[in-house]
N, C-alpha and C. Protein backbone atom coordinates (compact mmCIF):
# COMPACT_ATOMS: atom_id res chain seq x y z
N MET A 1 -18.83 -69.06 -49.36
CA MET A 1 -18.30 -69.00 -50.70
C MET A 1 -17.57 -70.31 -50.99
N SER A 2 -17.74 -70.82 -52.20
CA SER A 2 -17.12 -72.09 -52.58
C SER A 2 -16.19 -71.89 -53.76
N PHE A 3 -15.02 -72.48 -53.69
CA PHE A 3 -14.06 -72.43 -54.78
C PHE A 3 -13.75 -73.84 -55.23
N THR A 4 -13.57 -74.00 -56.53
CA THR A 4 -13.16 -75.29 -57.06
C THR A 4 -11.64 -75.37 -57.02
N GLN A 5 -11.13 -76.41 -56.42
CA GLN A 5 -9.68 -76.61 -56.36
C GLN A 5 -9.22 -77.25 -57.66
N SER A 6 -8.34 -76.59 -58.38
CA SER A 6 -7.77 -77.16 -59.60
C SER A 6 -6.56 -78.00 -59.25
N THR A 7 -6.40 -79.08 -59.97
CA THR A 7 -5.27 -79.97 -59.75
C THR A 7 -4.41 -80.01 -61.00
N TYR A 8 -3.13 -79.79 -60.81
CA TYR A 8 -2.17 -79.83 -61.90
C TYR A 8 -1.10 -80.86 -61.57
N THR A 9 -0.68 -81.63 -62.57
CA THR A 9 0.36 -82.62 -62.38
C THR A 9 1.45 -82.40 -63.42
N ALA A 10 2.68 -82.23 -62.95
CA ALA A 10 3.81 -82.12 -63.88
C ALA A 10 4.06 -83.49 -64.50
N ILE A 11 4.12 -83.53 -65.81
CA ILE A 11 4.36 -84.79 -66.52
C ILE A 11 5.78 -84.84 -67.07
N SER A 12 6.26 -83.72 -67.55
CA SER A 12 7.59 -83.70 -68.16
C SER A 12 8.22 -82.33 -67.97
N VAL A 13 9.50 -82.33 -67.62
CA VAL A 13 10.27 -81.09 -67.50
C VAL A 13 11.64 -81.36 -68.11
N GLY A 14 12.07 -80.47 -68.97
CA GLY A 14 13.38 -80.63 -69.59
C GLY A 14 13.80 -79.35 -70.28
N ASP A 15 14.95 -79.39 -70.92
CA ASP A 15 15.43 -78.26 -71.71
C ASP A 15 16.36 -78.81 -72.79
N THR A 16 16.99 -77.92 -73.52
CA THR A 16 17.84 -78.40 -74.61
C THR A 16 18.99 -79.26 -74.12
N GLY A 17 19.51 -78.98 -72.93
CA GLY A 17 20.60 -79.77 -72.38
C GLY A 17 20.18 -81.15 -71.94
N ASN A 18 19.01 -81.26 -71.34
CA ASN A 18 18.50 -82.54 -70.84
C ASN A 18 16.99 -82.55 -70.97
N LYS A 19 16.51 -82.92 -72.15
CA LYS A 19 15.07 -82.85 -72.39
C LYS A 19 14.25 -83.84 -71.58
N TRP A 20 14.89 -84.80 -70.94
CA TRP A 20 14.19 -85.79 -70.12
C TRP A 20 14.55 -85.65 -68.64
N SER A 21 14.74 -84.42 -68.14
CA SER A 21 15.07 -84.22 -66.72
C SER A 21 14.08 -84.93 -65.82
N TYR A 22 12.80 -84.79 -66.16
CA TYR A 22 11.74 -85.49 -65.42
C TYR A 22 10.67 -85.88 -66.42
N ILE A 23 10.20 -87.10 -66.35
CA ILE A 23 9.08 -87.52 -67.21
C ILE A 23 8.31 -88.64 -66.53
N ASP A 24 7.00 -88.50 -66.55
CA ASP A 24 6.11 -89.54 -66.02
C ASP A 24 5.51 -90.27 -67.22
N LYS A 25 6.23 -91.26 -67.72
CA LYS A 25 5.80 -91.99 -68.92
C LYS A 25 4.49 -92.72 -68.70
N GLN A 26 4.26 -93.22 -67.49
CA GLN A 26 3.01 -93.94 -67.21
C GLN A 26 1.80 -93.02 -67.37
N LEU A 27 1.90 -91.80 -66.84
CA LEU A 27 0.78 -90.87 -66.96
C LEU A 27 0.57 -90.47 -68.42
N LEU A 28 1.65 -90.21 -69.14
CA LEU A 28 1.52 -89.89 -70.56
C LEU A 28 0.82 -91.01 -71.32
N GLU A 29 1.25 -92.24 -71.07
CA GLU A 29 0.63 -93.38 -71.75
C GLU A 29 -0.83 -93.53 -71.35
N ALA A 30 -1.16 -93.26 -70.09
CA ALA A 30 -2.55 -93.31 -69.65
C ALA A 30 -3.41 -92.27 -70.37
N LEU A 31 -2.76 -91.18 -70.81
CA LEU A 31 -3.46 -90.13 -71.55
C LEU A 31 -3.37 -90.35 -73.07
N GLY A 32 -2.88 -91.52 -73.47
CA GLY A 32 -2.85 -91.87 -74.89
C GLY A 32 -1.62 -91.42 -75.65
N VAL A 33 -0.61 -90.92 -74.95
CA VAL A 33 0.57 -90.37 -75.61
C VAL A 33 1.76 -91.31 -75.46
N ASN A 34 2.35 -91.69 -76.57
CA ASN A 34 3.58 -92.48 -76.58
C ASN A 34 4.66 -91.63 -77.24
N LEU A 35 5.58 -91.11 -76.45
CA LEU A 35 6.60 -90.21 -76.97
C LEU A 35 7.78 -90.97 -77.55
N ASN A 36 8.27 -90.46 -78.65
CA ASN A 36 9.50 -90.93 -79.25
C ASN A 36 10.64 -90.20 -78.54
N THR A 37 11.62 -90.93 -78.05
CA THR A 37 12.70 -90.29 -77.30
C THR A 37 13.54 -89.35 -78.15
N HIS A 38 13.38 -89.40 -79.47
CA HIS A 38 14.10 -88.49 -80.35
C HIS A 38 13.22 -87.32 -80.80
N GLY A 39 11.98 -87.30 -80.34
CA GLY A 39 11.05 -86.25 -80.74
C GLY A 39 11.35 -84.93 -80.07
N LYS A 40 10.81 -83.88 -80.63
CA LYS A 40 11.00 -82.54 -80.09
C LYS A 40 9.89 -82.23 -79.09
N ILE A 41 10.02 -82.77 -77.89
CA ILE A 41 8.98 -82.54 -76.90
C ILE A 41 9.09 -81.12 -76.35
N PRO A 42 7.99 -80.58 -75.81
CA PRO A 42 8.05 -79.24 -75.22
C PRO A 42 8.91 -79.24 -73.95
N ASP A 43 9.30 -78.05 -73.52
CA ASP A 43 10.13 -77.93 -72.32
C ASP A 43 9.40 -78.42 -71.08
N VAL A 44 8.11 -78.15 -71.00
CA VAL A 44 7.30 -78.55 -69.85
C VAL A 44 5.96 -79.07 -70.35
N VAL A 45 5.49 -80.16 -69.75
CA VAL A 45 4.15 -80.69 -70.02
C VAL A 45 3.46 -80.83 -68.67
N VAL A 46 2.29 -80.20 -68.55
CA VAL A 46 1.51 -80.24 -67.31
C VAL A 46 0.12 -80.75 -67.64
N HIS A 47 -0.41 -81.63 -66.79
CA HIS A 47 -1.79 -82.10 -66.96
C HIS A 47 -2.68 -81.29 -66.03
N HIS A 48 -3.63 -80.55 -66.60
CA HIS A 48 -4.67 -79.85 -65.83
C HIS A 48 -5.77 -80.88 -65.64
N VAL A 49 -5.76 -81.51 -64.48
CA VAL A 49 -6.62 -82.67 -64.23
C VAL A 49 -8.09 -82.32 -64.34
N ASN A 50 -8.53 -81.22 -63.73
CA ASN A 50 -9.95 -80.87 -63.71
C ASN A 50 -10.52 -80.66 -65.11
N GLN A 51 -9.74 -80.06 -66.00
CA GLN A 51 -10.20 -79.80 -67.36
C GLN A 51 -9.79 -80.90 -68.34
N ASN A 52 -8.93 -81.81 -67.89
CA ASN A 52 -8.32 -82.82 -68.74
C ASN A 52 -7.64 -82.17 -69.95
N TRP A 53 -6.73 -81.25 -69.65
CA TRP A 53 -5.92 -80.58 -70.66
C TRP A 53 -4.47 -80.95 -70.45
N LEU A 54 -3.73 -81.08 -71.54
CA LEU A 54 -2.27 -81.13 -71.48
C LEU A 54 -1.78 -79.74 -71.86
N VAL A 55 -1.09 -79.09 -70.94
CA VAL A 55 -0.55 -77.76 -71.19
C VAL A 55 0.90 -77.96 -71.65
N LEU A 56 1.15 -77.60 -72.90
CA LEU A 56 2.46 -77.80 -73.53
C LEU A 56 3.19 -76.47 -73.56
N ILE A 57 4.25 -76.35 -72.77
CA ILE A 57 4.92 -75.06 -72.55
C ILE A 57 6.30 -75.06 -73.19
N GLU A 58 6.53 -74.04 -74.02
CA GLU A 58 7.85 -73.82 -74.60
C GLU A 58 8.47 -72.60 -73.92
N ALA A 59 9.61 -72.80 -73.25
CA ALA A 59 10.36 -71.69 -72.66
C ALA A 59 11.18 -71.04 -73.76
N VAL A 60 10.90 -69.81 -74.05
CA VAL A 60 11.52 -69.17 -75.20
C VAL A 60 13.01 -68.92 -74.98
N THR A 61 13.50 -69.10 -73.78
CA THR A 61 14.95 -69.00 -73.55
C THR A 61 15.69 -70.19 -74.14
N SER A 62 15.00 -71.32 -74.32
CA SER A 62 15.68 -72.50 -74.87
C SER A 62 15.36 -72.72 -76.35
N HIS A 63 14.18 -72.38 -76.79
CA HIS A 63 13.76 -72.51 -78.19
C HIS A 63 13.00 -71.24 -78.54
N GLY A 64 12.39 -71.25 -79.70
CA GLY A 64 11.54 -70.14 -80.08
C GLY A 64 10.15 -70.31 -79.48
N SER A 65 9.27 -69.40 -79.85
CA SER A 65 7.90 -69.44 -79.37
C SER A 65 7.12 -70.54 -80.07
N VAL A 66 5.88 -70.73 -79.67
CA VAL A 66 5.01 -71.68 -80.36
C VAL A 66 4.48 -70.95 -81.60
N ASP A 67 5.20 -71.10 -82.70
CA ASP A 67 4.76 -70.54 -83.97
C ASP A 67 3.90 -71.59 -84.69
N ALA A 68 3.43 -71.28 -85.87
CA ALA A 68 2.53 -72.21 -86.58
C ALA A 68 3.21 -73.55 -86.84
N LYS A 69 4.48 -73.54 -87.22
CA LYS A 69 5.20 -74.79 -87.47
C LYS A 69 5.31 -75.62 -86.20
N ARG A 70 5.70 -74.99 -85.10
CA ARG A 70 5.86 -75.72 -83.84
C ARG A 70 4.51 -76.23 -83.33
N ARG A 71 3.47 -75.44 -83.51
CA ARG A 71 2.13 -75.87 -83.09
C ARG A 71 1.73 -77.14 -83.85
N ASN A 72 1.99 -77.16 -85.15
CA ASN A 72 1.70 -78.36 -85.95
C ASN A 72 2.53 -79.56 -85.51
N GLU A 73 3.81 -79.33 -85.19
CA GLU A 73 4.67 -80.41 -84.70
C GLU A 73 4.12 -80.99 -83.39
N LEU A 74 3.73 -80.09 -82.48
CA LEU A 74 3.21 -80.55 -81.19
C LEU A 74 1.88 -81.29 -81.36
N GLN A 75 1.03 -80.81 -82.26
CA GLN A 75 -0.23 -81.51 -82.53
C GLN A 75 0.05 -82.92 -83.04
N ALA A 76 1.06 -83.07 -83.89
CA ALA A 76 1.40 -84.40 -84.42
C ALA A 76 1.96 -85.30 -83.32
N ILE A 77 2.84 -84.76 -82.48
CA ILE A 77 3.44 -85.55 -81.40
C ILE A 77 2.38 -86.04 -80.42
N PHE A 78 1.40 -85.18 -80.11
CA PHE A 78 0.38 -85.48 -79.11
C PHE A 78 -0.97 -85.83 -79.74
N LYS A 79 -0.96 -86.28 -80.99
CA LYS A 79 -2.20 -86.52 -81.75
C LYS A 79 -3.13 -87.54 -81.10
N ASP A 80 -2.59 -88.50 -80.37
CA ASP A 80 -3.42 -89.54 -79.75
C ASP A 80 -3.84 -89.21 -78.33
N SER A 81 -3.54 -88.01 -77.87
CA SER A 81 -3.87 -87.63 -76.50
C SER A 81 -5.38 -87.62 -76.28
N THR A 82 -5.79 -88.18 -75.16
CA THR A 82 -7.20 -88.13 -74.78
C THR A 82 -7.52 -86.82 -74.08
N ALA A 83 -6.49 -86.04 -73.77
CA ALA A 83 -6.67 -84.72 -73.14
C ALA A 83 -6.58 -83.65 -74.21
N GLY A 84 -7.28 -82.54 -73.99
CA GLY A 84 -7.18 -81.41 -74.90
C GLY A 84 -5.80 -80.79 -74.80
N LEU A 85 -5.35 -80.16 -75.88
CA LEU A 85 -4.01 -79.58 -75.92
C LEU A 85 -4.07 -78.06 -75.80
N VAL A 86 -3.24 -77.52 -74.91
CA VAL A 86 -3.11 -76.07 -74.74
C VAL A 86 -1.64 -75.74 -74.99
N PHE A 87 -1.39 -74.79 -75.89
CA PHE A 87 -0.04 -74.45 -76.30
C PHE A 87 0.36 -73.12 -75.67
N VAL A 88 1.50 -73.09 -74.97
CA VAL A 88 1.93 -71.89 -74.25
C VAL A 88 3.38 -71.55 -74.60
N SER A 89 3.60 -70.28 -74.96
CA SER A 89 4.96 -69.75 -75.08
C SER A 89 5.24 -68.99 -73.79
N ALA A 90 6.36 -69.31 -73.12
CA ALA A 90 6.71 -68.66 -71.85
C ALA A 90 7.92 -67.75 -72.06
N PHE A 91 7.77 -66.50 -71.65
CA PHE A 91 8.82 -65.49 -71.79
C PHE A 91 9.19 -64.94 -70.42
N LEU A 92 10.40 -64.42 -70.30
CA LEU A 92 10.80 -63.76 -69.06
C LEU A 92 10.18 -62.38 -68.95
N THR A 93 10.16 -61.61 -70.06
CA THR A 93 9.68 -60.23 -70.03
C THR A 93 8.83 -59.94 -71.26
N ARG A 94 8.07 -58.85 -71.19
CA ARG A 94 7.31 -58.40 -72.36
C ARG A 94 8.25 -58.01 -73.50
N LYS A 95 9.39 -57.44 -73.14
CA LYS A 95 10.38 -57.08 -74.16
C LYS A 95 10.82 -58.32 -74.93
N ASP A 96 11.05 -59.42 -74.22
CA ASP A 96 11.40 -60.68 -74.89
C ASP A 96 10.27 -61.12 -75.82
N MET A 97 9.02 -61.03 -75.34
CA MET A 97 7.88 -61.43 -76.15
C MET A 97 7.80 -60.59 -77.43
N ALA A 98 8.09 -59.30 -77.32
CA ALA A 98 7.98 -58.40 -78.46
C ALA A 98 8.85 -58.86 -79.63
N GLN A 99 9.97 -59.49 -79.33
CA GLN A 99 10.86 -59.97 -80.39
C GLN A 99 10.22 -61.10 -81.20
N TYR A 100 9.25 -61.80 -80.61
CA TYR A 100 8.62 -62.96 -81.26
C TYR A 100 7.16 -62.71 -81.63
N LEU A 101 6.67 -61.51 -81.41
CA LEU A 101 5.24 -61.23 -81.55
C LEU A 101 4.68 -61.65 -82.90
N ASN A 102 5.40 -61.41 -83.97
CA ASN A 102 4.90 -61.75 -85.31
C ASN A 102 4.91 -63.24 -85.59
N GLU A 103 5.60 -64.02 -84.76
CA GLU A 103 5.73 -65.46 -84.99
C GLU A 103 4.75 -66.30 -84.16
N ILE A 104 4.22 -65.75 -83.09
CA ILE A 104 3.37 -66.52 -82.18
C ILE A 104 2.10 -66.96 -82.92
N SER A 105 1.80 -68.24 -82.83
CA SER A 105 0.65 -68.82 -83.54
C SER A 105 -0.67 -68.41 -82.90
N TRP A 106 -1.70 -68.27 -83.74
CA TRP A 106 -3.06 -68.13 -83.24
C TRP A 106 -3.43 -69.39 -82.48
N GLU A 107 -4.42 -69.27 -81.62
CA GLU A 107 -4.92 -70.38 -80.81
C GLU A 107 -3.84 -70.93 -79.88
N THR A 108 -3.02 -70.01 -79.35
CA THR A 108 -2.03 -70.35 -78.34
C THR A 108 -2.11 -69.32 -77.21
N GLU A 109 -1.38 -69.59 -76.16
CA GLU A 109 -1.34 -68.70 -75.00
C GLU A 109 0.09 -68.21 -74.81
N VAL A 110 0.23 -67.06 -74.13
CA VAL A 110 1.54 -66.54 -73.76
C VAL A 110 1.52 -66.26 -72.27
N TRP A 111 2.58 -66.70 -71.59
CA TRP A 111 2.78 -66.40 -70.17
C TRP A 111 4.08 -65.65 -70.05
N ILE A 112 4.09 -64.59 -69.23
CA ILE A 112 5.29 -63.76 -69.05
C ILE A 112 5.65 -63.77 -67.57
N ALA A 113 6.89 -64.14 -67.26
CA ALA A 113 7.33 -64.29 -65.87
C ALA A 113 7.20 -63.01 -65.07
N GLU A 114 7.39 -61.85 -65.70
CA GLU A 114 7.30 -60.60 -64.95
C GLU A 114 5.85 -60.23 -64.61
N SER A 115 4.87 -60.92 -65.18
CA SER A 115 3.44 -60.74 -64.85
C SER A 115 2.82 -62.12 -64.68
N PRO A 116 3.23 -62.86 -63.67
CA PRO A 116 2.90 -64.29 -63.58
C PRO A 116 1.43 -64.63 -63.37
N THR A 117 0.61 -63.68 -62.96
CA THR A 117 -0.80 -63.99 -62.72
C THR A 117 -1.67 -63.73 -63.94
N HIS A 118 -1.07 -63.39 -65.07
CA HIS A 118 -1.83 -63.09 -66.27
C HIS A 118 -1.37 -63.96 -67.44
N MET A 119 -2.30 -64.17 -68.38
CA MET A 119 -2.01 -64.88 -69.63
C MET A 119 -2.49 -64.00 -70.78
N ILE A 120 -1.85 -64.15 -71.92
CA ILE A 120 -2.29 -63.47 -73.14
C ILE A 120 -2.79 -64.56 -74.08
N HIS A 121 -4.02 -64.38 -74.56
CA HIS A 121 -4.64 -65.38 -75.43
C HIS A 121 -4.58 -64.90 -76.88
N PHE A 122 -4.00 -65.68 -77.76
CA PHE A 122 -3.90 -65.33 -79.17
C PHE A 122 -5.05 -65.99 -79.94
N ASP A 123 -6.21 -65.42 -79.84
CA ASP A 123 -7.37 -65.84 -80.62
C ASP A 123 -8.46 -64.83 -80.36
N GLY A 124 -9.43 -65.14 -79.54
CA GLY A 124 -10.44 -64.16 -79.23
C GLY A 124 -11.81 -64.71 -78.97
N GLU A 125 -12.42 -65.38 -79.93
CA GLU A 125 -13.82 -65.77 -79.80
C GLU A 125 -14.12 -66.57 -78.55
N ARG A 126 -13.24 -67.47 -78.21
CA ARG A 126 -13.52 -68.33 -77.07
C ARG A 126 -13.64 -67.52 -75.78
N PHE A 127 -12.96 -66.38 -75.70
CA PHE A 127 -12.98 -65.58 -74.48
C PHE A 127 -13.68 -64.24 -74.67
N LEU A 128 -14.37 -64.05 -75.79
CA LEU A 128 -15.06 -62.80 -76.05
C LEU A 128 -16.25 -62.65 -75.13
N GLY A 129 -16.33 -61.55 -74.42
CA GLY A 129 -17.43 -61.31 -73.51
C GLY A 129 -16.97 -60.49 -72.33
N PRO A 130 -17.93 -60.06 -71.48
CA PRO A 130 -17.55 -59.24 -70.33
C PRO A 130 -16.78 -60.05 -69.30
N TYR A 131 -15.96 -59.37 -68.52
CA TYR A 131 -15.21 -60.04 -67.47
C TYR A 131 -16.00 -59.96 -66.20
């Protein structure tokens, strides 16, 4: 049996107190992204190397979820990215997610810490089919 090893690289980690706790500016620039230090960057940015995706994660404990407004802001900030953009709202519990359910944007993902091996996809067609 053969498995494909996925590679992920942390590019940026921060929060409201210190949004630049860790940042790999060289990798971001290599992916076509030039961040403004005053911009509203996501809490975590991860590069999924195999798929060439930038996974943009908002921890809902520090800000709100990825709603339509935030999704548009992130698209503008990362507009020159050569990697595809994946938008994720991260919650501690389903109960926390329920408070934001009406605000979560379509074409985004939700990750919940109490069920870490699962994702919730807010769209449908791309994943429609048998498992």
